[in-house]
Amino acid sequence: MNLTVVSRFADLLTTRVSIRQHSIPYPAAVLLLAGVYFVVGKIGLQFAILHDNVSLVWLAAAFALVALYLGGMRLFPGVALGAFFVNVGPTIPISAALMIAVGNTLGTVVAVYLLLRFSPKPLTFERIYDLAIFVLSASIIAPLITATVGTMALVITQSISNTDARRIWQEWWM
């Protein structure tokens, strides 16, 4: 990963207080988050290989993580709405899109909870501990949750076969 990208992401995470001082009405903030998640998610789906709804490039997850970290956990409905609308379509039943939205939202909420609970405020990446908490929560645990729930949703709704599930899960987790 490019060190500049990591540095800019760290800068975004550490500007939490100044971001929170801007007053945006709650419904507008939720809809804005959903809209941006949707657009970024649709761009990410352009990189899908094994399945139309599974991409190795999913910047929507990073955006959602930053949004909830900076704006507060109460914005989680924006992640859920964005994830639902980015996944619903002709190849995915509504029930699968709902389950995927739940998984994407749960993964993001768990990652942000772990960051808020176990990292210093603000997160500065000045210690190995800070980086380890970030990598563990945002790069390992959250993707495990989203990949597992999403793959199960696709199997349950018969959008993928059981034989493809392992490969789909691996790509999703990556």
C-alpha atoms as a PDB file:
ATOM      1  CA  MET A   1       0.000   0.000   0.000  1.00  0.00           C
ATOM      2  CA  ASN A   2       1.259   3.441  -0.871  1.00  0.00           C
ATOM      3  CA  LEU A   3       2.590   5.268   2.200  1.00  0.00           C
ATOM      4  CA  THR A   4       0.970   8.516   1.015  1.00  0.00           C
ATOM      5  CA  VAL A   5      -2.474   6.879   1.034  1.00  0.00           C
ATOM      6  CA  VAL A   6      -1.914   5.577   4.575  1.00  0.00           C
ATOM      7  CA  SER A   7      -0.713   9.009   5.683  1.00  0.00           C
ATOM      8  CA  ARG A   8      -3.760  10.766   4.196  1.00  0.00           C
ATOM      9  CA  PHE A   9      -6.079   8.197   5.772  1.00  0.00           C
ATOM     10  CA  ALA A  10      -4.367   8.786   9.125  1.00  0.00           C
ATOM     11  CA  ASP A  11      -4.859  12.532   8.669  1.00  0.00           C
ATOM     12  CA  LEU A  12      -8.577  11.963   8.044  1.00  0.00           C
ATOM     13  CA  LEU A  13      -8.901   9.860  11.185  1.00  0.00           C
ATOM     14  CA  THR A  14      -7.120  12.416  13.342  1.00  0.00           C
ATOM     15  CA  THR A  15      -9.346  15.333  12.249  1.00  0.00           C
ATOM     16  CA  ARG A  16     -12.314  13.887  14.122  1.00  0.00           C
ATOM     17  CA  VAL A  17     -12.948  16.856  16.404  1.00  0.00           C
ATOM     18  CA  SER A  18     -12.927  19.536  13.711  1.00  0.00           C
ATOM     19  CA  ILE A  19     -15.203  17.495  11.458  1.00  0.00           C
ATOM     20  CA  ARG A  20     -17.738  17.018  14.251  1.00  0.00           C
ATOM     21  CA  GLN A  21     -17.980  20.768  14.812  1.00  0.00           C
ATOM     22  CA  HIS A  22     -19.704  21.248  11.449  1.00  0.00           C
ATOM     23  CA  SER A  23     -23.441  21.077  11.819  1.00  0.00           C
ATOM     24  CA  ILE A  24     -25.258  18.908   9.294  1.00  0.00           C
ATOM     25  CA  PRO A  25     -28.803  17.788  10.126  1.00  0.00           C
ATOM     26  CA  TYR A  26     -28.866  14.087  10.977  1.00  0.00           C
ATOM     27  CA  PRO A  27     -31.193  12.982   8.119  1.00  0.00           C
ATOM     28  CA  ALA A  28     -29.079  14.901   5.607  1.00  0.00           C
ATOM     29  CA  ALA A  29     -25.875  13.337   6.953  1.00  0.00           C
ATOM     30  CA  VAL A  30     -27.360   9.829   6.696  1.00  0.00           C
ATOM     31  CA  LEU A  31     -28.566  10.434   3.131  1.00  0.00           C
ATOM     32  CA  LEU A  32     -25.244  11.991   2.144  1.00  0.00           C
ATOM     33  CA  LEU A  33     -23.358   8.987   3.525  1.00  0.00           C
ATOM     34  CA  ALA A  34     -25.729   6.603   1.717  1.00  0.00           C
ATOM     35  CA  GLY A  35     -25.330   8.489  -1.554  1.00  0.00           C
ATOM     36  CA  VAL A  36     -21.549   8.610  -1.438  1.00  0.00           C
ATOM     37  CA  TYR A  37     -21.372   4.947  -0.372  1.00  0.00           C
ATOM     38  CA  PHE A  38     -23.610   4.069  -3.325  1.00  0.00           C
ATOM     39  CA  VAL A  39     -21.499   5.980  -5.871  1.00  0.00           C
ATOM     40  CA  VAL A  40     -18.178   4.705  -4.521  1.00  0.00           C
ATOM     41  CA  GLY A  41     -19.625   1.177  -4.301  1.00  0.00           C
ATOM     42  CA  LYS A  42     -20.833   1.248  -7.923  1.00  0.00           C
ATOM     43  CA  ILE A  43     -17.348   2.300  -8.991  1.00  0.00           C
ATOM     44  CA  GLY A  44     -15.906  -0.583  -6.955  1.00  0.00           C
ATOM     45  CA  LEU A  45     -18.227  -3.096  -8.616  1.00  0.00           C
ATOM     46  CA  GLN A  46     -16.643  -2.219 -11.950  1.00  0.00           C
ATOM     47  CA  PHE A  47     -13.672  -4.298 -10.736  1.00  0.00           C
ATOM     48  CA  ALA A  48     -15.715  -7.438  -9.958  1.00  0.00           C
ATOM     49  CA  ILE A  49     -14.203 -10.654 -11.323  1.00  0.00           C
ATOM     50  CA  LEU A  50     -15.809 -13.786  -9.854  1.00  0.00           C
ATOM     51  CA  HIS A  51     -19.279 -12.352  -9.210  1.00  0.00           C
ATOM     52  CA  ASP A  52     -21.067  -9.120 -10.126  1.00  0.00           C
ATOM     53  CA  ASN A  53     -21.379  -8.085  -6.466  1.00  0.00           C
ATOM     54  CA  VAL A  54     -17.923  -9.073  -5.187  1.00  0.00           C
ATOM     55  CA  SER A  55     -14.960  -6.808  -5.871  1.00  0.00           C
ATOM     56  CA  LEU A  56     -11.356  -6.697  -4.763  1.00  0.00           C
ATOM     57  CA  VAL A  57     -11.586  -2.893  -4.853  1.00  0.00           C
ATOM     58  CA  TRP A  58     -14.073  -1.735  -2.229  1.00  0.00           C
ATOM     59  CA  LEU A  59     -13.290   1.823  -1.217  1.00  0.00           C
ATOM     60  CA  ALA A  60     -16.851   2.179   0.060  1.00  0.00           C
ATOM     61  CA  ALA A  61     -15.772   0.227   3.153  1.00  0.00           C
ATOM     62  CA  ALA A  62     -12.952   2.677   3.863  1.00  0.00           C
ATOM     63  CA  PHE A  63     -15.270   5.623   3.294  1.00  0.00           C
ATOM     64  CA  ALA A  64     -17.879   4.133   5.655  1.00  0.00           C
ATOM     65  CA  LEU A  65     -15.221   3.494   8.309  1.00  0.00           C
ATOM     66  CA  VAL A  66     -14.000   7.096   8.192  1.00  0.00           C
ATOM     67  CA  ALA A  67     -17.556   8.455   8.132  1.00  0.00           C
ATOM     68  CA  LEU A  68     -18.614   6.531  11.243  1.00  0.00           C
ATOM     69  CA  TYR A  69     -15.359   7.242  13.046  1.00  0.00           C
ATOM     70  CA  LEU A  70     -15.584  10.973  12.385  1.00  0.00           C
ATOM     71  CA  GLY A  71     -19.349  11.444  12.360  1.00  0.00           C
ATOM     72  CA  GLY A  72     -20.352   8.937  15.003  1.00  0.00           C
ATOM     73  CA  MET A  73     -21.883   5.486  15.052  1.00  0.00           C
ATOM     74  CA  ARG A  74     -25.357   6.967  14.764  1.00  0.00           C
ATOM     75  CA  LEU A  75     -24.712   7.388  11.025  1.00  0.00           C
ATOM     76  CA  PHE A  76     -24.807   3.608  10.485  1.00  0.00           C
ATOM     77  CA  PRO A  77     -28.166   3.768   8.640  1.00  0.00           C
ATOM     78  CA  GLY A  78     -26.340   5.620   5.853  1.00  0.00           C
ATOM     79  CA  VAL A  79     -23.984   2.668   5.421  1.00  0.00           C
ATOM     80  CA  ALA A  80     -26.923   0.249   5.440  1.00  0.00           C
ATOM     81  CA  LEU A  81     -28.896   2.239   2.853  1.00  0.00           C
ATOM     82  CA  GLY A  82     -25.891   2.730   0.594  1.00  0.00           C
ATOM     83  CA  ALA A  83     -24.899  -0.935   0.815  1.00  0.00           C
ATOM     84  CA  PHE A  84     -28.442  -2.081   0.060  1.00  0.00           C
ATOM     85  CA  PHE A  85     -28.878   0.116  -3.004  1.00  0.00           C
ATOM     86  CA  VAL A  86     -25.429  -0.624  -4.393  1.00  0.00           C
ATOM     87  CA  ASN A  87     -26.151  -4.371  -4.271  1.00  0.00           C
ATOM     88  CA  VAL A  88     -29.793  -4.641  -5.289  1.00  0.00           C
ATOM     89  CA  GLY A  89     -30.248  -5.263  -8.980  1.00  0.00           C
ATOM     90  CA  PRO A  90     -31.215  -7.719 -11.682  1.00  0.00           C
ATOM     91  CA  THR A  91     -28.713 -10.407 -10.640  1.00  0.00           C
ATOM     92  CA  ILE A  92     -29.229 -10.123  -6.868  1.00  0.00           C
ATOM     93  CA  PRO A  93     -32.558 -10.661  -5.092  1.00  0.00           C
ATOM     94  CA  ILE A  94     -33.740  -8.039  -2.608  1.00  0.00           C
ATOM     95  CA  SER A  95     -33.290 -10.507   0.267  1.00  0.00           C
ATOM     96  CA  ALA A  96     -29.611 -10.996  -0.626  1.00  0.00           C
ATOM     97  CA  ALA A  97     -29.079  -7.240  -0.939  1.00  0.00           C
ATOM     98  CA  LEU A  98     -30.617  -6.785   2.523  1.00  0.00           C
ATOM     99  CA  MET A  99     -28.373  -9.441   4.053  1.00  0.00           C
ATOM    100  CA  ILE A 100     -25.289  -7.977   2.344  1.00  0.00           C
ATOM    101  CA  ALA A 101     -26.237  -4.519   3.647  1.00  0.00           C
ATOM    102  CA  VAL A 102     -26.519  -5.928   7.170  1.00  0.00           C
ATOM    103  CA  GLY A 103     -23.104  -7.586   6.831  1.00  0.00           C
ATOM    104  CA  ASN A 104     -21.423  -4.475   5.425  1.00  0.00           C
ATOM    105  CA  THR A 105     -22.957  -2.304   8.142  1.00  0.00           C
ATOM    106  CA  LEU A 106     -22.091  -4.756  10.920  1.00  0.00           C
ATOM    107  CA  GLY A 107     -18.487  -5.038   9.716  1.00  0.00           C
ATOM    108  CA  THR A 108     -18.090  -1.262   9.688  1.00  0.00           C
ATOM    109  CA  VAL A 109     -19.746  -0.783  13.078  1.00  0.00           C
ATOM    110  CA  VAL A 110     -17.585  -3.472  14.694  1.00  0.00           C
ATOM    111  CA  ALA A 111     -14.394  -1.977  13.219  1.00  0.00           C
ATOM    112  CA  VAL A 112     -15.275   1.533  14.404  1.00  0.00           C
ATOM    113  CA  TYR A 113     -16.282   0.227  17.838  1.00  0.00           C
ATOM    114  CA  LEU A 114     -12.906  -1.525  18.196  1.00  0.00           C
ATOM    115  CA  LEU A 115     -11.052   1.589  17.073  1.00  0.00           C
ATOM    116  CA  LEU A 116     -12.944   3.780  19.529  1.00  0.00           C
ATOM    117  CA  ARG A 117     -12.618   1.285  22.356  1.00  0.00           C
ATOM    118  CA  PHE A 118      -8.969   0.269  22.040  1.00  0.00           C
ATOM    119  CA  SER A 119      -7.154   3.103  20.263  1.00  0.00           C
ATOM    120  CA  PRO A 120      -6.128   6.511  21.557  1.00  0.00           C
ATOM    121  CA  LYS A 121      -8.321   9.487  20.770  1.00  0.00           C
ATOM    122  CA  PRO A 122      -7.558  10.739  18.206  1.00  0.00           C
ATOM    123  CA  LEU A 123      -5.965   7.814  16.414  1.00  0.00           C
ATOM    124  CA  THR A 124      -2.496   9.025  15.409  1.00  0.00           C
ATOM    125  CA  PHE A 125      -0.570   5.926  14.261  1.00  0.00           C
ATOM    126  CA  GLU A 126       2.383   7.115  16.356  1.00  0.00           C
ATOM    127  CA  ARG A 127       2.819   3.713  17.990  1.00  0.00           C
ATOM    128  CA  ILE A 128       2.856   0.178  16.653  1.00  0.00           C
ATOM    129  CA  TYR A 129      -0.119  -0.523  18.934  1.00  0.00           C
ATOM    130  CA  ASP A 130      -2.225   2.097  17.108  1.00  0.00           C
ATOM    131  CA  LEU A 131      -1.400   0.601  13.732  1.00  0.00           C
ATOM    132  CA  ALA A 132      -2.029  -2.937  15.005  1.00  0.00           C
ATOM    133  CA  ILE A 133      -5.495  -2.023  16.332  1.00  0.00           C
ATOM    134  CA  PHE A 134      -6.328  -0.352  13.028  1.00  0.00           C
ATOM    135  CA  VAL A 135      -5.132  -3.284  10.905  1.00  0.00           C
ATOM    136  CA  LEU A 136      -6.842  -5.837  13.145  1.00  0.00           C
ATOM    137  CA  SER A 137     -10.192  -4.041  13.199  1.00  0.00           C
ATOM    138  CA  ALA A 138     -10.384  -2.499   9.720  1.00  0.00           C
ATOM    139  CA  SER A 139      -8.374  -4.954   7.631  1.00  0.00           C
ATOM    140  CA  ILE A 140      -9.048  -8.304   9.264  1.00  0.00           C
ATOM    141  CA  ILE A 141     -12.160  -8.395  11.474  1.00  0.00           C
ATOM    142  CA  ALA A 142     -14.487  -6.123   9.444  1.00  0.00           C
ATOM    143  CA  PRO A 143     -13.756  -7.868   6.117  1.00  0.00           C
ATOM    144  CA  LEU A 144     -14.223 -11.274   7.787  1.00  0.00           C
ATOM    145  CA  ILE A 145     -17.682 -10.207   8.898  1.00  0.00           C
ATOM    146  CA  THR A 146     -18.697  -8.699   5.565  1.00  0.00           C
ATOM    147  CA  ALA A 147     -17.303 -11.596   3.527  1.00  0.00           C
ATOM    148  CA  THR A 148     -18.954 -14.235   5.684  1.00  0.00           C
ATOM    149  CA  VAL A 149     -22.377 -12.587   5.832  1.00  0.00           C
ATOM    150  CA  GLY A 150     -22.277 -11.600   2.153  1.00  0.00           C
ATOM    151  CA  THR A 151     -21.231 -15.037   0.928  1.00  0.00           C
ATOM    152  CA  MET A 152     -23.870 -16.688   3.099  1.00  0.00           C
ATOM    153  CA  ALA A 153     -26.463 -14.307   1.626  1.00  0.00           C
ATOM    154  CA  LEU A 154     -25.480 -15.278  -1.906  1.00  0.00           C
ATOM    155  CA  VAL A 155     -25.548 -19.006  -1.073  1.00  0.00           C
ATOM    156  CA  ILE A 156     -28.875 -18.812   0.805  1.00  0.00           C
ATOM    157  CA  THR A 157     -30.540 -16.956  -2.064  1.00  0.00           C
ATOM    158  CA  GLN A 158     -28.908 -19.324  -4.564  1.00  0.00           C
ATOM    159  CA  SER A 159     -27.137 -16.463  -6.316  1.00  0.00           C
ATOM    160  CA  ILE A 160     -23.973 -18.577  -6.225  1.00  0.00           C
ATOM    161  CA  SER A 161     -23.400 -22.307  -5.961  1.00  0.00           C
ATOM    162  CA  ASN A 162     -21.952 -23.961  -2.879  1.00  0.00           C
ATOM    163  CA  THR A 163     -18.877 -24.914  -4.893  1.00  0.00           C
ATOM    164  CA  ASP A 164     -18.152 -21.251  -5.734  1.00  0.00           C
ATOM    165  CA  ALA A 165     -18.744 -20.028  -2.180  1.00  0.00           C
ATOM    166  CA  ARG A 166     -15.170 -20.562  -0.963  1.00  0.00           C
ATOM    167  CA  ARG A 167     -13.609 -18.630  -3.860  1.00  0.00           C
ATOM    168  CA  ILE A 168     -16.211 -15.856  -3.561  1.00  0.00           C
ATOM    169  CA  TRP A 169     -15.610 -15.606   0.202  1.00  0.00           C
ATOM    170  CA  GLN A 170     -11.838 -15.404  -0.305  1.00  0.00           C
ATOM    171  CA  GLU A 171     -12.143 -12.660  -2.909  1.00  0.00           C
ATOM    172  CA  TRP A 172     -14.620 -10.756  -0.753  1.00  0.00           C
ATOM    173  CA  TRP A 173     -12.338 -10.942   2.277  1.00  0.00           C
ATOM    174  CA  MET A 174      -9.336  -9.751   0.271  1.00  0.00           C
END
